[in-house]
Amino acid sequence: MSETPDLECRDISKSFDDFKAVNDVSFSVPQGTFFSILGPSGCGKTTLLRMIAGFQEPSSGDLLIKGKSVLDVPPNKRPVSMVFQHLALFPMMNIGANVGFGLRQRGVNKTDITKQVERVLERVGLGGVAERPVSSLSGGQKQRVAIARCMVLEPDVLLLDEPLGALDLKLREHMKIELKQLQSEFNTTFVYITHDQSEALVMSDQIAVMNQGVFEQVGTAKELYYEPDTAFVAGFVGEANRFTAKVKGSAGGSVEMVTSDGQTLHGLDARRSLSVGDSVDIFVRPEAVRLSRNQADVAAMGNTGQGKVANILFNGANSQLILRDQTTGAELNVALPQTGEFRDLARDDVIHFGWEQQQTRVYLADGEQTDV
């Protein structure tokens, strides 16, 4: 018999007049899972999180925590805690008072509050600082205090509303690792919303990609990146070169397509679902493209060309080239290999490129995927 999930949403919808912000969303989150909801601004993720917290009522559907519906349970009685984007720490209280605030609201005696606050501060790496003012903390330490304030209440589910959004880039990168470590330490179910794909990919056990009120796909980071179900997921998760094209021919599972600027591309149509004349969207990851100064090195690949370096975007290990196809003029974003082979590559240099058919992800233009 399967274990009851910590959180389950069944056909949850939320409408504001004629606008449906969340549209029949269903999912479940097993105990101890780091579950992220990833999507652009306005996709409905914050509305969904607020319904789980109890700050908004669903228009329809059901919400269950540990197998029990919480629709009629007020926010302060639900076994959830929430970390807000701006943390909402009380500046007039010291660290210990902030962390113990919820316990005081519950009527826990002072001695027990002191013990529980010290215990949870130790677990988040802030032992011995309970008497210090909140203003003395760095941004990352404030994040840990906000989490400690929630975790001292021992919630079944911790909700996190884009908590890293206000941090600078370097601290945000550090806190991604810390948050994942804290979640593992407490073994508490985290439900995390973000528009930042890097946050979701690095930290999550499962990710739901949300768009226009619905989940486009739920899966692991690798599943979303390497096997996107829809064109939206392929374009939103990770970097990708995108082409629009029409199917020119198909034989033996291989499909030939011609882009809007006249480039011929090849992909695999494993389901044999494409027909000549179909409009398709094509996605190719920058790291899938191989570079070579010798045409023979890429000649056997399914898609080849010659491009002039239009720009070099240096970003250490994540450096990229912008190539302009010598035949069509189309631009191609290519990950720059870190072998040192192309270290002396300069703007206006001409180089050969290619990628295999199986690296070409193809979707019917109406959004239906072909399995490539």
Protein backbone atom coordinates (compact mmCIF):
# COMPACT_ATOMS: atom_id res chain seq x y z
CA MET A 1 0.00 0.00 0.00
CA SER A 2 1.47 3.36 -1.04
CA GLU A 3 2.24 5.98 1.58
CA THR A 4 -0.21 8.87 1.90
CA PRO A 5 1.33 11.96 0.25
CA ASP A 6 2.01 15.00 2.42
CA LEU A 7 0.16 17.20 -0.06
CA GLU A 8 -2.41 16.39 -2.71
CA CYS A 9 -4.32 18.77 -4.99
CA ARG A 10 -7.32 17.36 -6.82
CA ASP A 11 -8.69 19.32 -9.79
CA ILE A 12 -7.97 22.65 -8.10
CA SER A 13 -9.24 25.74 -9.92
CA LYS A 14 -9.37 29.42 -9.05
CA SER A 15 -11.28 32.01 -11.06
CA PHE A 16 -11.34 35.78 -10.74
CA ASP A 17 -14.48 36.87 -12.59
CA ASP A 18 -13.96 35.50 -16.12
CA PHE A 19 -10.23 34.83 -15.67
CA LYS A 20 -9.17 31.34 -14.64
CA ALA A 21 -5.85 31.75 -12.82
CA VAL A 22 -5.56 28.03 -11.95
CA ASN A 23 -7.31 25.51 -14.16
CA ASP A 24 -8.05 21.97 -12.86
CA VAL A 25 -4.56 21.29 -11.47
CA SER A 26 -3.95 17.88 -9.88
CA PHE A 27 -0.73 16.63 -8.30
CA SER A 28 0.63 14.96 -5.18
CA VAL A 29 3.84 15.46 -3.20
CA PRO A 30 5.30 12.51 -1.25
CA GLN A 31 6.74 13.02 2.23
CA GLY A 32 10.23 14.52 2.29
CA THR A 33 10.12 15.78 -1.31
CA PHE A 34 11.50 19.08 -2.57
CA PHE A 35 8.76 19.99 -5.06
CA SER A 36 9.05 23.15 -7.17
CA ILE A 37 6.44 24.91 -9.25
CA LEU A 38 8.26 26.71 -12.05
CA GLY A 39 6.70 29.19 -14.41
CA PRO A 40 6.67 32.75 -15.75
CA SER A 41 5.00 35.66 -13.99
CA GLY A 42 1.23 35.42 -14.21
CA CYS A 43 1.12 31.65 -14.78
CA GLY A 44 -0.87 31.00 -11.56
CA LYS A 45 1.84 29.57 -9.30
CA THR A 46 1.46 32.15 -6.50
CA THR A 47 -2.32 31.76 -6.55
CA LEU A 48 -1.89 28.00 -6.22
CA LEU A 49 0.52 28.40 -3.29
CA ARG A 50 -1.83 30.81 -1.53
CA MET A 51 -4.67 28.30 -1.85
CA ILE A 52 -2.50 25.61 -0.26
CA ALA A 53 -1.66 28.02 2.57
CA GLY A 54 -5.34 28.90 3.04
CA PHE A 55 -5.05 32.58 2.12
CA GLN A 56 -7.38 32.05 -0.85
CA GLU A 57 -10.25 29.62 -1.33
CA PRO A 58 -10.36 27.43 -4.47
CA SER A 59 -13.29 27.92 -6.83
CA SER A 60 -13.44 24.14 -7.14
CA GLY A 61 -11.46 21.02 -6.28
CA ASP A 62 -9.95 19.71 -3.08
CA LEU A 63 -6.72 20.13 -1.09
CA LEU A 64 -5.50 17.36 1.19
CA ILE A 65 -2.62 17.33 3.67
CA LYS A 66 -1.67 13.91 5.05
CA GLY A 67 -4.81 12.56 3.37
CA LYS A 68 -7.23 15.00 5.06
CA SER A 69 -9.05 17.82 3.28
CA VAL A 70 -8.14 21.29 4.59
CA LEU A 71 -10.63 23.34 2.58
CA ASP A 72 -12.53 24.38 5.70
CA VAL A 73 -9.39 24.79 7.84
CA PRO A 74 -8.20 28.41 8.39
CA PRO A 75 -4.57 29.27 7.56
CA ASN A 76 -3.39 29.35 11.19
CA LYS A 77 -4.79 25.86 11.80
CA ARG A 78 -3.28 24.18 8.74
CA PRO A 79 -0.15 22.02 9.26
CA VAL A 80 1.83 24.25 6.89
CA SER A 81 4.23 27.17 7.29
CA MET A 82 5.23 29.72 4.68
CA VAL A 83 8.44 31.59 3.89
CA PHE A 84 7.63 34.79 2.02
CA GLN A 85 9.75 36.47 -0.64
CA HIS A 86 10.55 39.41 1.66
CA LEU A 87 10.82 37.13 4.74
CA ALA A 88 8.54 39.31 6.95
CA LEU A 89 10.87 39.17 9.97
CA PHE A 90 9.99 41.48 12.87
CA PRO A 91 12.75 44.14 13.16
CA MET A 92 11.76 45.11 16.72
CA MET A 93 12.34 41.53 17.96
CA ASN A 94 15.64 39.71 18.38
CA ILE A 95 16.39 36.51 16.50
CA GLY A 96 15.06 34.20 19.20
CA ALA A 97 11.81 36.13 19.53
CA ASN A 98 11.32 35.97 15.77
CA VAL A 99 11.85 32.23 15.68
CA GLY A 100 9.65 31.62 18.70
CA PHE A 101 6.78 33.88 17.58
CA GLY A 102 4.55 31.07 16.32
CA LEU A 103 5.13 29.01 19.45
CA ARG A 104 4.03 31.95 21.62
CA GLN A 105 0.89 32.27 19.50
CA ARG A 106 0.19 28.62 20.25
CA GLY A 107 0.54 29.17 23.98
CA VAL A 108 3.71 27.12 24.48
CA ASN A 109 5.39 27.90 27.82
CA LYS A 110 8.50 30.10 27.87
CA THR A 111 10.94 27.36 28.93
CA ASP A 112 9.90 25.05 26.11
CA ILE A 113 10.03 27.91 23.60
CA THR A 114 13.62 28.68 24.60
CA LYS A 115 14.64 25.03 24.19
CA GLN A 116 12.91 24.58 20.85
CA VAL A 117 14.24 27.87 19.47
CA GLU A 118 17.84 26.97 20.41
CA ARG A 119 17.42 23.50 18.91
CA VAL A 120 16.17 24.75 15.55
CA LEU A 121 18.73 27.58 15.38
CA GLU A 122 21.47 24.98 15.87
CA ARG A 123 20.06 22.96 12.99
CA VAL A 124 20.15 25.93 10.62
CA GLY A 125 23.70 26.83 11.67
CA LEU A 126 22.85 29.81 13.87
CA GLY A 127 23.37 28.41 17.35
CA GLY A 128 24.03 30.93 20.11
CA VAL A 129 22.64 34.00 18.30
CA ALA A 130 19.11 34.11 19.76
CA GLU A 131 19.73 37.39 21.61
CA ARG A 132 21.17 39.23 18.64
CA PRO A 133 19.06 41.77 16.70
CA VAL A 134 17.77 40.77 13.28
CA SER A 135 19.47 43.84 11.79
CA SER A 136 22.88 42.32 12.57
CA LEU A 137 22.34 39.43 10.14
CA SER A 138 23.41 39.04 6.53
CA GLY A 139 20.86 38.28 3.83
CA GLY A 140 21.62 34.57 3.90
CA GLN A 141 21.37 34.44 7.70
CA LYS A 142 17.98 36.17 7.56
CA GLN A 143 16.84 33.47 5.14
CA ARG A 144 17.83 30.82 7.67
CA VAL A 145 16.03 32.64 10.48
CA ALA A 146 12.86 32.76 8.35
CA ILE A 147 13.14 29.02 7.73
CA ALA A 148 13.86 28.35 11.42
CA ARG A 149 10.74 30.32 12.39
CA CYS A 150 8.70 28.00 10.19
CA MET A 151 10.46 24.74 11.06
CA VAL A 152 10.16 25.24 14.83
CA LEU A 153 6.40 24.71 14.31
CA GLU A 154 7.12 21.28 12.76
CA PRO A 155 4.86 21.73 9.72
CA ASP A 156 3.95 18.82 7.47
CA VAL A 157 4.60 21.08 4.46
CA LEU A 158 6.80 24.17 4.14
CA LEU A 159 5.70 26.61 1.43
CA LEU A 160 8.32 28.94 -0.06
CA ASP A 161 7.23 31.93 -2.15
CA GLU A 162 10.27 32.88 -4.28
CA PRO A 163 12.40 33.40 -1.12
CA LEU A 164 15.65 34.02 -3.02
CA GLY A 165 14.24 36.70 -5.31
CA ALA A 166 15.54 39.66 -3.29
CA LEU A 167 19.11 38.34 -2.93
CA ASP A 168 22.10 39.29 -5.06
CA LEU A 169 23.35 36.72 -7.58
CA LYS A 170 26.29 35.33 -5.58
CA LEU A 171 24.24 34.91 -2.40
CA ARG A 172 21.38 33.39 -4.38
CA GLU A 173 23.72 30.75 -5.79
CA HIS A 174 24.98 29.95 -2.29
CA MET A 175 21.48 29.80 -0.81
CA LYS A 176 20.29 27.31 -3.45
CA ILE A 177 22.74 24.80 -2.01
CA GLU A 178 21.88 25.73 1.59
CA LEU A 179 18.14 25.38 1.04
CA LYS A 180 18.54 21.92 -0.43
CA GLN A 181 20.79 20.88 2.46
CA LEU A 182 18.31 22.24 5.00
CA GLN A 183 15.44 20.41 3.35
CA SER A 184 17.41 17.17 3.52
CA GLU A 185 18.37 17.86 7.14
CA PHE A 186 14.78 18.39 8.29
CA ASN A 187 13.33 15.80 5.84
CA THR A 188 10.30 18.09 5.54
CA THR A 189 8.24 18.42 2.37
CA PHE A 190 9.08 21.71 0.62
CA VAL A 191 6.78 23.27 -1.99
CA TYR A 192 8.77 26.02 -3.68
CA ILE A 193 7.60 28.44 -6.34
CA THR A 194 9.94 30.29 -8.66
CA HIS A 195 10.31 31.75 -12.13
CA ASP A 196 14.05 30.98 -12.03
CA GLN A 197 14.73 27.68 -13.78
CA SER A 198 18.20 27.38 -12.22
CA GLU A 199 16.71 27.39 -8.72
CA ALA A 200 14.22 24.68 -9.65
CA LEU A 201 16.70 22.49 -11.53
CA VAL A 202 19.38 22.59 -8.82
CA MET A 203 17.22 22.04 -5.74
CA SER A 204 14.20 19.98 -6.71
CA ASP A 205 13.34 16.30 -6.57
CA GLN A 206 10.28 17.00 -8.73
CA ILE A 207 9.37 20.08 -10.78
CA ALA A 208 6.01 21.14 -12.20
CA VAL A 209 6.26 23.55 -15.13
CA MET A 210 3.21 25.82 -15.03
CA ASN A 211 1.83 27.90 -17.89
CA GLN A 212 -1.46 29.79 -18.13
CA GLY A 213 -2.99 28.10 -15.11
CA VAL A 214 -2.09 24.48 -15.94
CA PHE A 215 0.82 22.11 -15.42
CA GLU A 216 2.54 21.46 -18.74
CA GLN A 217 4.75 18.71 -17.30
CA VAL A 218 5.79 17.26 -13.95
CA GLY A 219 9.09 15.41 -13.68
CA THR A 220 12.68 15.40 -12.51
CA ALA A 221 15.10 18.09 -13.62
CA LYS A 222 16.69 15.68 -16.11
CA GLU A 223 13.29 14.64 -17.53
CA LEU A 224 12.25 18.24 -18.10
CA TYR A 225 15.58 19.18 -19.64
CA TYR A 226 16.20 16.17 -21.87
CA GLU A 227 12.63 14.98 -22.51
CA PRO A 228 10.30 17.99 -22.54
CA ASP A 229 6.70 17.03 -23.30
CA THR A 230 5.70 20.32 -24.92
CA ALA A 231 7.19 23.17 -26.90
CA PHE A 232 6.64 25.47 -23.93
CA VAL A 233 8.71 23.26 -21.61
CA ALA A 234 11.44 22.87 -24.25
CA GLY A 235 11.68 26.64 -24.60
CA PHE A 236 11.29 27.59 -20.93
CA VAL A 237 13.59 25.06 -19.26
CA GLY A 238 17.19 25.61 -20.23
CA GLU A 239 18.59 27.45 -23.23
CA ALA A 240 17.55 26.36 -26.72
CA ASN A 241 17.77 27.44 -30.33
CA ARG A 242 14.27 27.63 -31.76
CA PHE A 243 13.27 27.27 -35.39
CA THR A 244 9.92 27.25 -37.17
CA ALA A 245 9.68 24.94 -40.14
CA LYS A 246 7.51 22.79 -42.40
CA VAL A 247 7.92 19.08 -42.97
CA LYS A 248 9.34 18.39 -46.41
CA GLY A 249 9.60 14.60 -46.27
CA SER A 250 9.76 11.55 -44.01
CA ALA A 251 11.35 8.14 -44.43
CA GLY A 252 12.21 5.39 -41.97
CA GLY A 253 11.55 7.57 -38.95
CA SER A 254 13.78 10.37 -40.17
CA VAL A 255 12.03 13.62 -41.00
CA GLU A 256 13.32 16.42 -43.21
CA MET A 257 12.18 19.96 -42.47
CA VAL A 258 12.73 23.35 -44.08
CA THR A 259 12.87 26.39 -41.80
CA SER A 260 11.28 29.74 -42.54
CA ASP A 261 14.66 31.06 -43.72
CA GLY A 262 15.34 28.10 -46.01
CA GLN A 263 17.56 25.96 -43.79
CA THR A 264 17.13 22.19 -44.10
CA LEU A 265 17.08 20.30 -40.78
CA HIS A 266 16.69 16.64 -39.90
CA GLY A 267 15.14 15.02 -36.85
CA LEU A 268 13.60 11.74 -35.73
CA ASP A 269 9.87 11.08 -35.86
CA ALA A 270 9.69 7.97 -33.67
CA ARG A 271 5.89 7.97 -33.59
CA ARG A 272 5.60 8.45 -37.37
CA SER A 273 3.08 11.19 -36.57
CA LEU A 274 4.30 13.90 -38.94
CA SER A 275 3.04 14.49 -42.44
CA VAL A 276 4.43 16.47 -45.34
CA GLY A 277 3.37 20.10 -44.99
CA ASP A 278 2.97 20.04 -41.20
CA SER A 279 4.15 23.20 -39.43
CA VAL A 280 6.57 22.39 -36.61
CA ASP A 281 8.58 24.06 -33.87
CA ILE A 282 12.16 22.81 -33.50
CA PHE A 283 14.46 23.11 -30.47
CA VAL A 284 18.20 22.41 -30.31
CA ARG A 285 20.25 22.80 -27.12
CA PRO A 286 23.41 24.96 -27.46
CA GLU A 287 25.56 22.16 -26.00
CA ALA A 288 24.26 19.70 -28.62
CA VAL A 289 26.08 21.61 -31.37
CA ARG A 290 29.60 20.45 -32.18
CA LEU A 291 32.19 22.89 -33.54
CA SER A 292 35.12 22.07 -35.80
CA ARG A 293 37.60 23.85 -38.01
CA ASN A 294 37.45 20.85 -40.36
CA GLN A 295 34.24 20.18 -42.28
CA ALA A 296 34.99 16.45 -42.34
CA ASP A 297 34.60 16.24 -38.54
CA VAL A 298 30.89 17.13 -38.71
CA ALA A 299 30.02 15.89 -42.20
CA ALA A 300 28.39 12.68 -40.97
CA MET A 301 26.09 14.48 -38.52
CA GLY A 302 22.42 14.87 -39.37
CA ASN A 303 22.54 18.66 -39.42
CA THR A 304 25.57 20.62 -40.58
CA GLY A 305 26.55 24.08 -41.68
CA GLN A 306 29.20 26.76 -41.72
CA GLY A 307 28.91 29.88 -39.62
CA LYS A 308 30.67 33.15 -38.94
CA VAL A 309 31.25 34.12 -35.31
CA ALA A 310 28.91 37.06 -34.70
CA ASN A 311 29.64 37.36 -31.00
CA ILE A 312 31.40 35.63 -28.13
CA LEU A 313 29.58 35.67 -24.79
CA PHE A 314 32.26 34.88 -22.24
CA ASN A 315 30.88 33.53 -18.96
CA GLY A 316 33.53 31.10 -17.75
CA ALA A 317 32.30 27.51 -18.02
CA ASN A 318 29.02 28.78 -19.48
CA SER A 319 30.55 30.72 -22.38
CA GLN A 320 28.68 30.74 -25.68
CA LEU A 321 29.11 31.70 -29.30
CA ILE A 322 26.58 33.37 -31.54
CA LEU A 323 27.14 31.97 -35.03
CA ARG A 324 25.55 33.40 -38.19
CA ASP A 325 24.85 30.69 -40.76
CA GLN A 326 26.78 31.52 -43.94
CA THR A 327 23.97 30.24 -46.14
CA THR A 328 20.75 31.43 -44.48
CA GLY A 329 21.94 34.23 -42.18
CA ALA A 330 20.16 32.55 -39.25
CA GLU A 331 21.77 32.88 -35.82
CA LEU A 332 22.72 29.84 -33.74
CA ASN A 333 23.61 29.87 -30.05
CA VAL A 334 26.41 27.35 -29.36
CA ALA A 335 27.96 26.37 -26.03
CA LEU A 336 31.71 26.96 -26.20
CA PRO A 337 33.60 23.78 -25.26
CA GLN A 338 35.91 24.21 -22.28
CA THR A 339 38.75 22.12 -23.73
CA GLY A 340 40.75 25.20 -24.73
CA GLU A 341 40.60 24.17 -28.40
CA PHE A 342 38.66 27.28 -29.39
CA ARG A 343 40.24 29.72 -26.96
CA ASP A 344 41.65 31.83 -29.79
CA LEU A 345 38.37 31.96 -31.72
CA ALA A 346 37.50 35.56 -32.59
CA ARG A 347 34.63 37.53 -34.05
CA ASP A 348 34.22 37.05 -37.82
CA ASP A 349 36.08 33.73 -37.79
CA VAL A 350 34.35 31.06 -39.87
CA ILE A 351 33.79 27.60 -38.36
CA HIS A 352 31.91 24.42 -39.19
CA PHE A 353 29.14 23.12 -36.93
CA GLY A 354 26.79 20.17 -36.72
CA TRP A 355 24.44 18.19 -34.48
CA GLU A 356 22.80 14.78 -34.62
CA GLN A 357 19.20 14.08 -35.64
CA GLN A 358 18.31 12.80 -32.16
CA GLN A 359 19.28 16.17 -30.66
CA THR A 360 16.55 17.88 -32.70
CA ARG A 361 13.33 18.10 -30.68
CA VAL A 362 10.30 18.57 -32.91
CA TYR A 363 6.76 19.64 -31.95
CA LEU A 364 3.71 20.22 -34.08
CA ALA A 365 3.08 23.95 -34.20
CA ASP A 366 -0.20 23.51 -32.29
CA GLY A 367 1.87 22.29 -29.33
CA GLU A 368 1.45 18.52 -29.76
CA GLN A 369 4.80 16.80 -29.42
CA THR A 370 6.35 14.32 -31.75
CA ASP A 371 8.59 11.92 -29.83
CA VAL A 372 12.15 12.62 -30.98
